[in-house]
Amino acid sequence: MIVFDDVHKSYGTFEVLKGISATVEKGEVVCLIGPSGSGKSTLLRCVNGLESYQKGRITVDGLLVDVNDPTIHALRTRVAKVFQRFNLFPHRTALENVIEGPVHVLGQPKAEARDYALELLARVGLSHKIDAYPAALSGGQQQRVAIARALAMRPEAILFDEPTSALDPEMVGDVLQVMRSLADEHMTMLVVTHEIQFAREVADRVLFLDGGTIVEQGTADQVLRAPQNERTQDFLRRVTHPV
């Protein structure tokens, strides 16, 4: 579904991505882990053209990701993204946030979009909040609205950029449970996360990035329970047994 082929990305003289090559198969959950500044979020932003890359290729279901090509707009309807900071429209209710894309981007009839949005909000446990504005929702509730909004576009894949890092600890579980349900339904997901336990339980594969390169990759068991690289071992020790 998603193929990275020797992807390089720089900001001026600072090289953020240094030749990333990896794949995400259809129906697979791949988690990107690693220290801050390792290139995880930048790589995610390159997938749907929020960032351009200077060298290599990224393809989504065979379609080249090129921010200068008009096809980038069609690609963004096929690959949804859930942001760290929710990015909901503050002046629209939860329901209005979810139907915005289908109506104004996909051209769906409003009644059809509304019916599906109600179904999605029920799925993420927010049927009782359809008329609430983002300011009246907790962080966890806002993130679940954001996931419903992404699903409303009927995407082929979803990118998650640290979806729980802005949440209070007691709110994390509800969001992760929604993501687990998507994994159970074989939604293709590329997830930047610091939730190591979630990655252990849900990820088909894990990529450990450091310094703009993939240091280690493999199944969740291989990378998270029996890492071979010393840098991976050190990182996991620090995040699972913080000083």
Protein backbone atom coordinates (compact mmCIF):
# COMPACT_ATOMS: atom_id res chain seq x y z
CA MET A 1 0.00 0.00 0.00
CA ILE A 2 2.79 2.44 0.95
CA VAL A 3 6.35 2.13 -0.36
CA PHE A 4 9.33 4.24 0.69
CA ASP A 5 12.28 3.93 -1.67
CA ASP A 6 15.50 5.68 -0.58
CA VAL A 7 13.64 8.76 0.68
CA HIS A 8 15.74 11.79 1.62
CA LYS A 9 14.43 15.00 3.17
CA SER A 10 16.42 18.07 4.23
CA TYR A 11 15.72 21.45 5.75
CA GLY A 12 18.53 23.54 4.32
CA THR A 13 21.74 21.74 5.23
CA PHE A 14 20.06 19.61 7.92
CA GLU A 15 19.18 16.17 6.59
CA VAL A 16 16.13 14.81 8.43
CA LEU A 17 15.58 11.62 6.42
CA LYS A 18 18.67 9.83 5.17
CA GLY A 19 17.57 7.19 2.71
CA ILE A 20 14.43 5.58 4.17
CA SER A 21 13.30 2.37 2.48
CA ALA A 22 10.34 0.43 3.86
CA THR A 23 6.89 -0.86 2.99
CA VAL A 24 3.44 -0.93 4.56
CA GLU A 25 1.28 -3.74 3.22
CA LYS A 26 -2.48 -3.44 2.74
CA GLY A 27 -4.24 -4.16 6.03
CA GLU A 28 -1.02 -3.90 8.02
CA VAL A 29 -0.33 -1.81 11.14
CA VAL A 30 3.20 -0.43 11.18
CA CYS A 31 4.40 1.59 14.18
CA LEU A 32 7.25 4.07 13.95
CA ILE A 33 9.13 4.51 17.21
CA GLY A 34 12.27 6.38 18.15
CA PRO A 35 13.56 9.46 19.95
CA SER A 36 12.29 12.96 19.24
CA GLY A 37 13.93 14.40 16.14
CA SER A 38 14.54 11.03 14.53
CA GLY A 39 12.38 11.84 11.48
CA LYS A 40 9.23 9.87 12.32
CA SER A 41 6.68 12.68 11.96
CA THR A 42 8.48 14.12 8.94
CA LEU A 43 8.27 10.75 7.20
CA LEU A 44 4.55 10.61 7.94
CA ARG A 45 4.01 14.11 6.56
CA CYS A 46 5.75 13.14 3.34
CA VAL A 47 3.26 10.32 2.72
CA ASN A 48 0.32 12.64 1.98
CA GLY A 49 2.33 15.55 0.65
CA LEU A 50 2.26 17.84 3.68
CA GLU A 51 6.05 17.85 3.25
CA SER A 52 8.02 17.43 0.06
CA TYR A 53 11.07 15.18 -0.15
CA GLN A 54 14.13 15.83 -2.26
CA LYS A 55 15.25 12.36 -3.33
CA GLY A 56 13.78 8.88 -3.68
CA ARG A 57 10.16 7.85 -4.16
CA ILE A 58 7.06 7.36 -2.07
CA THR A 59 4.12 5.56 -3.64
CA VAL A 60 0.65 4.89 -2.24
CA ASP A 61 -1.12 2.00 -3.93
CA GLY A 62 1.12 2.58 -6.93
CA LEU A 63 0.50 6.33 -7.12
CA LEU A 64 3.60 8.51 -6.82
CA VAL A 65 3.46 11.07 -4.02
CA ASP A 66 4.43 14.39 -5.61
CA VAL A 67 3.33 17.66 -4.01
CA ASN A 68 3.64 19.43 -7.37
CA ASP A 69 1.33 17.01 -9.17
CA PRO A 70 -2.45 17.63 -9.23
CA THR A 71 -2.98 13.98 -8.23
CA ILE A 72 -1.85 14.88 -4.69
CA HIS A 73 -5.37 16.11 -3.93
CA ALA A 74 -6.91 12.76 -4.88
CA LEU A 75 -4.26 10.96 -2.88
CA ARG A 76 -5.11 12.94 0.26
CA THR A 77 -8.70 11.69 0.06
CA ARG A 78 -7.39 8.11 0.09
CA VAL A 79 -4.89 8.55 2.92
CA ALA A 80 -6.40 10.22 5.99
CA LYS A 81 -4.38 11.69 8.83
CA VAL A 82 -5.01 12.04 12.55
CA PHE A 83 -2.90 14.78 14.12
CA GLN A 84 -1.33 15.07 17.53
CA ARG A 85 -3.30 18.25 18.31
CA PHE A 86 -6.72 17.19 16.92
CA ASN A 87 -7.07 20.12 14.44
CA LEU A 88 -10.85 20.24 14.73
CA PHE A 89 -12.76 23.26 13.49
CA PRO A 90 -13.55 25.13 16.75
CA HIS A 91 -16.69 26.76 15.35
CA ARG A 92 -18.27 23.47 14.26
CA THR A 93 -19.90 20.76 16.36
CA ALA A 94 -18.53 17.23 16.53
CA LEU A 95 -21.04 16.13 13.90
CA GLU A 96 -20.27 19.09 11.63
CA ASN A 97 -16.55 18.39 11.90
CA VAL A 98 -17.08 14.81 10.74
CA ILE A 99 -19.30 15.64 7.75
CA GLU A 100 -17.16 18.57 6.53
CA GLY A 101 -14.81 16.48 4.36
CA PRO A 102 -17.34 14.15 2.77
CA VAL A 103 -19.64 17.05 1.82
CA HIS A 104 -17.14 19.67 0.69
CA VAL A 105 -14.29 17.47 -0.62
CA LEU A 106 -16.03 14.29 -1.81
CA GLY A 107 -19.28 15.99 -2.79
CA GLN A 108 -21.52 13.61 -0.84
CA PRO A 109 -25.13 14.63 -0.19
CA LYS A 110 -25.35 16.12 3.29
CA ALA A 111 -27.98 13.64 4.49
CA GLU A 112 -25.85 10.68 3.42
CA ALA A 113 -22.74 12.17 5.06
CA ARG A 114 -24.72 12.87 8.24
CA ASP A 115 -25.99 9.30 8.53
CA TYR A 116 -22.48 7.90 8.18
CA ALA A 117 -21.07 10.49 10.59
CA LEU A 118 -23.63 9.48 13.23
CA GLU A 119 -22.60 5.85 12.74
CA LEU A 120 -18.93 6.74 13.14
CA LEU A 121 -19.46 8.90 16.22
CA ALA A 122 -21.39 6.02 17.79
CA ARG A 123 -18.50 3.73 16.94
CA VAL A 124 -16.03 5.94 18.83
CA GLY A 125 -18.42 6.24 21.79
CA LEU A 126 -19.57 9.82 21.23
CA SER A 127 -23.22 9.57 20.23
CA HIS A 128 -24.05 11.78 23.20
CA LYS A 129 -21.67 14.52 22.02
CA ILE A 130 -22.74 15.08 18.43
CA ASP A 131 -23.85 18.68 19.09
CA ALA A 132 -20.90 19.58 21.32
CA TYR A 133 -18.24 22.03 20.16
CA PRO A 134 -14.55 21.08 20.55
CA ALA A 135 -14.09 23.47 23.49
CA ALA A 136 -16.67 21.47 25.43
CA LEU A 137 -14.92 18.14 24.77
CA SER A 138 -12.01 16.58 26.61
CA GLY A 139 -8.79 15.96 24.72
CA GLY A 140 -9.59 12.27 24.39
CA GLN A 141 -13.06 13.04 23.05
CA GLN A 142 -11.64 15.52 20.55
CA GLN A 143 -9.17 12.92 19.31
CA ARG A 144 -11.95 10.38 18.88
CA VAL A 145 -13.90 12.95 16.84
CA ALA A 146 -10.74 13.41 14.76
CA ILE A 147 -10.58 9.65 14.13
CA ALA A 148 -14.26 9.63 13.12
CA ARG A 149 -13.52 12.56 10.79
CA ALA A 150 -10.68 10.60 9.18
CA LEU A 151 -12.88 7.51 8.75
CA ALA A 152 -15.65 9.61 7.20
CA MET A 153 -13.49 9.98 4.10
CA ARG A 154 -13.53 6.18 3.70
CA PRO A 155 -9.74 6.11 3.39
CA GLU A 156 -7.60 3.21 2.26
CA ALA A 157 -5.01 4.03 4.93
CA ILE A 158 -4.74 6.26 8.00
CA LEU A 159 -1.65 8.05 9.27
CA PHE A 160 -1.51 8.65 13.03
CA ASP A 161 1.02 11.20 14.29
CA GLU A 162 1.47 10.56 18.03
CA PRO A 163 -2.31 10.55 18.53
CA THR A 164 -2.13 10.19 22.34
CA SER A 165 0.83 12.38 23.25
CA ALA A 166 -1.29 15.48 23.93
CA LEU A 167 -3.74 13.61 26.17
CA ASP A 168 -3.97 13.24 29.91
CA PRO A 169 -3.03 9.67 30.91
CA GLU A 170 -6.57 8.63 31.82
CA MET A 171 -7.80 9.61 28.34
CA VAL A 172 -5.24 7.60 26.40
CA GLY A 173 -6.99 4.25 26.77
CA ASP A 174 -10.20 5.28 24.98
CA VAL A 175 -8.28 6.50 21.93
CA LEU A 176 -6.07 3.42 21.80
CA GLN A 177 -9.13 1.19 22.03
CA VAL A 178 -10.62 2.83 18.93
CA MET A 179 -7.31 2.28 17.13
CA ARG A 180 -7.27 -1.37 18.24
CA SER A 181 -10.73 -1.84 16.72
CA LEU A 182 -9.47 -0.41 13.42
CA ALA A 183 -6.51 -2.80 13.50
CA ASP A 184 -8.89 -5.71 14.11
CA GLU A 185 -10.73 -4.67 10.94
CA HIS A 186 -7.46 -4.63 8.98
CA MET A 187 -7.33 -0.90 8.33
CA THR A 188 -3.92 -0.01 6.90
CA MET A 189 -2.28 2.20 9.52
CA LEU A 190 1.09 3.91 9.84
CA VAL A 191 1.42 5.08 13.43
CA VAL A 192 4.03 7.31 15.06
CA THR A 193 3.77 6.49 18.74
CA HIS A 194 5.53 6.42 22.09
CA GLU A 195 2.97 3.92 23.42
CA ILE A 196 5.24 0.87 23.42
CA GLN A 197 2.63 -1.44 24.94
CA PHE A 198 0.14 -0.47 22.24
CA ALA A 199 2.76 -1.22 19.58
CA ARG A 200 3.43 -4.61 21.19
CA GLU A 201 -0.26 -5.51 21.12
CA VAL A 202 -1.34 -4.11 17.76
CA ALA A 203 1.58 -3.58 15.37
CA ASP A 204 2.32 -6.15 12.69
CA ARG A 205 5.72 -4.55 12.30
CA VAL A 206 7.77 -1.90 14.08
CA LEU A 207 10.36 0.46 12.61
CA PHE A 208 12.85 2.05 15.00
CA LEU A 209 14.19 5.34 13.62
CA ASP A 210 17.15 7.28 14.91
CA GLY A 211 19.01 10.12 13.24
CA GLY A 212 16.91 9.96 10.08
CA THR A 213 17.56 6.28 9.38
CA ILE A 214 15.81 3.00 10.11
CA VAL A 215 18.08 1.40 12.68
CA GLU A 216 16.01 -1.74 13.14
CA GLN A 217 12.77 -3.17 11.81
CA GLY A 218 10.82 -6.38 12.16
CA THR A 219 7.77 -7.83 13.84
CA ALA A 220 6.65 -6.26 17.09
CA ASP A 221 8.03 -9.25 18.99
CA GLN A 222 11.39 -9.05 17.24
CA VAL A 223 11.94 -5.32 17.74
CA LEU A 224 10.22 -4.71 21.09
CA ARG A 225 10.90 -7.94 22.96
CA ALA A 226 14.23 -9.02 21.50
CA PRO A 227 15.90 -6.03 19.80
CA GLN A 228 19.24 -6.79 18.19
CA ASN A 229 20.60 -3.27 17.78
CA GLU A 230 22.27 -1.68 20.80
CA ARG A 231 20.65 1.69 20.08
CA THR A 232 17.18 0.09 20.00
CA GLN A 233 17.91 -1.71 23.27
CA ASP A 234 19.00 1.54 24.93
CA PHE A 235 15.92 3.43 23.70
CA LEU A 236 13.50 0.77 24.92
CA ARG A 237 15.18 0.64 28.31
CA ARG A 238 14.75 4.38 28.66
CA VAL A 239 11.09 4.54 27.62
CA THR A 240 9.93 1.46 29.52
CA HIS A 241 12.01 2.07 32.66
CA PRO A 242 12.44 5.86 32.85
CA VAL A 243 14.78 7.22 35.52
